[in-house]
């Protein structure tokens, strides 16, 4: 104790003598333990309790657990101290790169520090770049979109939508002889697509790129030059297919967001499929429930007809009890008929400004149209071919994602639970669509797999909630081979009146 006291006084350490600090308390307990035999058992117990708490928190001094923790903390301190210096070094490396382009090889920028770079700093040669800086530089990587998605650099379909205009602009200007025109067109188009969008009433649309007086001549000039390139339309069509394949295979549980749908519509308009656009090949967008005008545009009608043809007699149609295709694909089926069908399917009021009622009608329309999935599948045969190998895997991945998110609901706040319910219902719809594209025997296998998967998770909450949805899917699919009527069953939707059964 005398040597410890001298060390404390020599270093001027007051922290070890404070009673609210572990070292101070342990020092006091040990000192009093040896000072009096009467109170020794008490302070021995206090010391043991304190040591047990230290062991539970980080491990006793000298243990492997404590050493690992201290080593990790040392790295954090080192990265915190070296972060600004490393950032300046990486900034100098990036200054030598082309500023208007991505990095084809990020390893050259993220290589270990050299002797010349660390000369004026406290860093040492060969020290690796810290993870925080690496993550930022890797976002500059230039690579195919599917590779960026696999590496997690593109984390969501919303980010994919941000990249789509750059992909489309690059494809449209590839091979043009006028380099300055191509550069100006890409910059103008990408700047236009980065503008802030607005929600408009009465089914009105925002201004298109080709309607801008300064952009229309650019578009015409590029179109004229592209007309002389034999493979330009095929390249645009291939870009459309690649984007759709990457989006659906990477995030099969997510609906195509509005920003991505708008970007894909631009690709469709300029691809060889633009002739099909007049026949209905245009992607629809999710409608906002708070400004819903109780009407749908003609593009929703065309999507509904494509979905009715594709989903006839499938698990998707039986689960949502959709009408047969003869009722939807007739000539007099229009936007008013679609709205009435959505109201009937949602069991909602046909008018009013109640947000929940509007949301139920909109979701019913999304169910009828499959929200772009059917129309993409119908008009892009290459999409079918490229997804054929992973088609059976997609519904299983979606099921796992839905069960995982629903399992986290008990610890969520009320608002987060509402969003999770909506996401789960939308993902469930995507799952049923992909499962319905499988041959009948594989659909049977998936329904059986879904039951076994939910039960095998051994989670009471998931088994209780998702078990109802899976049971509803099983009941809806019973008798499908014989064309038997659909029995009443539980349907998982995102918008309901009152408290959702997933939240009870």
Foldseek 3Di string as FASTA:
>chain_A
DVVVVVVCVVVVPPQLCDCVHLNNLLVVLVVVLVVDVVCNVVSVVVNVVSQVVVCVPQRDPPDPSNVVVVVVVVVVVVCVVCVVLLVVQLVVVCVPPDPVAADQDCCVSFFFADPVSCVPHPDDGRHGRDPVVVLVNCLRHDDDPLVCLVVCSQPALVSVLLCLLLVLLCLLLPPFPPPVLSVVLSVLSNVVLPDDDDADAPPDDDDDQCPDPVRVVSVVVSVVRVVPPPCSQVSLLVSLLVSVLSNCVSCVLDANAPSNLVSSQVSCCSHPNVVCVVVQLGADHQHQLQRDPLWDAQSLLSLLLLCLVLLALFLLCLLLVPDHSVVSNDPPRGGVNLSVSLCVSLVADSDDRDSLRSVSSSQSSCSSSVRNPRSCVVRRVVNCVVCVVCLLVSLVVLLVVLLVLLLCLVPDDPVVNLVSLQSSQSSVSSSRVSLRVDPPVSVVVVLVVSQVVQVVVPRPLSCVVVVQQSVSSVQSCPCSVVPDHGDDGDHRHSRDPDDDPSND
